[in-house]
């Protein structure tokens, strides 16, 4: 049987979406220098859950709100990374007052409305890049 005729599952295991999103959230937070307590606040989970996420003992559940917040958080990171990279400029941007957003993005992300505003703002800027 040719490799082109084999079912996808036979050629390699399908990655677990929860593990993939959890890793993406933790990597994004690491690149941006964000604390586990901030990540917990953004995702709406306990700090202990984020600690377990970092250790690989907890994955985001796609049947809970934490999943949606995780997707938005990774989307925010990807947009920010496309615009400024994931280095010092991105970290600085997150912690500075932003007149268009009406506050510091890192603080706004603690609420659902704030996270969505930051994501929409970055998506709009990214569209012009």
Protein backbone atom coordinates (compact mmCIF):
# COMPACT_ATOMS: atom_id res chain seq x y z
CA UNK A 1 0.00 0.00 0.00
CA UNK A 2 1.38 3.40 -0.96
CA UNK A 3 1.72 6.13 1.67
CA UNK A 4 -0.83 8.16 -0.29
CA UNK A 5 -3.45 5.42 0.04
CA UNK A 6 -3.02 4.81 3.77
CA UNK A 7 -5.50 6.33 6.20
CA UNK A 8 -4.08 9.32 8.06
CA UNK A 9 -4.45 7.58 11.42
CA UNK A 10 -2.27 4.71 10.22
CA UNK A 11 0.65 6.99 9.42
CA UNK A 12 0.79 8.88 12.71
CA UNK A 13 -1.22 9.33 15.87
CA UNK A 14 -3.72 12.17 16.00
CA UNK A 15 -2.60 14.80 18.52
CA UNK A 16 -4.83 15.51 21.51
CA UNK A 17 -6.45 18.94 20.97
CA UNK A 18 -6.52 19.64 24.72
CA UNK A 19 -2.83 18.91 25.13
CA UNK A 20 -2.02 20.97 22.03
CA UNK A 21 -3.96 24.04 23.19
CA UNK A 22 -2.61 23.73 26.73
CA UNK A 23 0.98 23.65 25.44
CA UNK A 24 0.28 26.61 23.16
CA UNK A 25 -1.12 28.66 26.06
CA UNK A 26 1.83 27.85 28.30
CA UNK A 27 4.38 28.58 25.56
CA UNK A 28 2.72 31.88 24.69
CA UNK A 29 2.67 32.90 28.36
CA UNK A 30 6.34 31.95 28.66
CA UNK A 31 7.36 33.95 25.59
CA UNK A 32 5.47 36.96 26.92
CA UNK A 33 6.81 36.60 30.46
CA UNK A 34 3.34 36.30 31.99
CA UNK A 35 2.88 34.80 35.43
CA UNK A 36 0.87 31.69 36.13
CA UNK A 37 -1.51 33.75 38.25
CA UNK A 38 -2.22 36.06 35.29
CA UNK A 39 -2.78 33.06 33.00
CA UNK A 40 -5.17 31.62 35.61
CA UNK A 41 -7.07 34.90 35.67
CA UNK A 42 -7.30 35.03 31.86
CA UNK A 43 -8.48 31.41 31.59
CA UNK A 44 -10.82 31.57 34.57
CA UNK A 45 -9.16 28.65 36.34
CA UNK A 46 -7.27 28.36 39.60
CA UNK A 47 -3.56 29.07 39.91
CA UNK A 48 -3.15 25.43 40.93
CA UNK A 49 -4.70 24.33 37.63
CA UNK A 50 -2.23 26.47 35.70
CA UNK A 51 0.60 25.01 37.76
CA UNK A 52 -0.62 21.55 36.79
CA UNK A 53 -0.87 22.70 33.16
CA UNK A 54 2.77 23.74 33.27
CA UNK A 55 3.67 20.32 34.66
CA UNK A 56 1.63 18.43 32.09
CA UNK A 57 -0.92 17.06 34.58
CA UNK A 58 -3.88 19.17 33.42
CA UNK A 59 -5.19 19.95 29.94
CA UNK A 60 -7.81 22.45 28.92
CA UNK A 61 -11.28 20.97 28.50
CA UNK A 62 -13.06 21.80 25.24
CA UNK A 63 -16.43 21.58 27.01
CA UNK A 64 -15.62 24.41 29.42
CA UNK A 65 -15.12 28.18 29.09
CA UNK A 66 -11.41 27.76 29.80
CA UNK A 67 -11.11 26.33 26.27
CA UNK A 68 -12.57 29.44 24.65
CA UNK A 69 -10.36 31.71 26.75
CA UNK A 70 -7.33 29.60 25.84
CA UNK A 71 -8.14 29.91 22.13
CA UNK A 72 -8.51 33.68 22.47
CA UNK A 73 -5.26 33.92 24.44
CA UNK A 74 -3.33 32.01 21.76
CA UNK A 75 -4.98 34.13 19.06
CA UNK A 76 -3.84 37.25 20.92
CA UNK A 77 -0.31 35.88 21.11
CA UNK A 78 -0.21 34.95 17.42
CA UNK A 79 -1.39 38.42 16.37
CA UNK A 80 1.05 40.14 18.71
CA UNK A 81 3.84 37.87 17.49
CA UNK A 82 3.06 38.72 13.85
CA UNK A 83 3.19 42.44 14.62
CA UNK A 84 6.01 42.77 17.18
CA UNK A 85 7.51 39.32 17.60
CA UNK A 86 7.49 37.58 20.97
CA UNK A 87 10.43 39.40 22.48
CA UNK A 88 10.88 42.50 24.54
CA UNK A 89 8.74 44.73 22.27
CA UNK A 90 5.71 42.50 22.77
CA UNK A 91 6.24 42.33 26.54
CA UNK A 92 6.58 46.12 26.68
CA UNK A 93 3.43 46.63 24.60
CA UNK A 94 1.42 44.43 26.95
CA UNK A 95 2.45 46.43 30.02
CA UNK A 96 2.10 49.97 28.66
CA UNK A 97 -1.03 52.09 28.67
CA UNK A 98 -2.84 51.93 25.35
CA UNK A 99 -5.08 54.89 24.59
CA UNK A 100 -7.12 53.01 21.98
CA UNK A 101 -7.85 50.19 24.43
CA UNK A 102 -8.25 52.43 27.47
CA UNK A 103 -5.70 50.67 29.66
CA UNK A 104 -2.82 48.25 29.83
CA UNK A 105 -3.52 45.19 27.66
CA UNK A 106 -2.08 42.85 30.30
CA UNK A 107 -4.65 44.11 32.81
CA UNK A 108 -7.53 44.24 30.34
CA UNK A 109 -7.02 40.56 29.49
CA UNK A 110 -8.12 39.59 33.00
CA UNK A 111 -11.76 40.13 31.97
CA UNK A 112 -13.63 38.49 29.11
CA UNK A 113 -14.54 41.82 27.54
CA UNK A 114 -10.96 43.07 27.88
CA UNK A 115 -9.45 39.95 26.32
CA UNK A 116 -11.84 40.18 23.38
CA UNK A 117 -11.04 43.90 22.94
CA UNK A 118 -7.29 43.21 22.94
CA UNK A 119 -7.73 40.38 20.41
CA UNK A 120 -9.90 42.51 18.11
CA UNK A 121 -7.48 45.44 18.35
CA UNK A 122 -4.49 43.26 17.46
CA UNK A 123 -6.39 41.52 14.65
CA UNK A 124 -7.26 44.93 13.17
CA UNK A 125 -3.65 46.09 13.37
CA UNK A 126 -2.41 42.77 11.98
CA UNK A 127 -4.76 43.14 9.02
CA UNK A 128 -2.91 46.31 8.03
CA UNK A 129 0.56 44.76 8.34
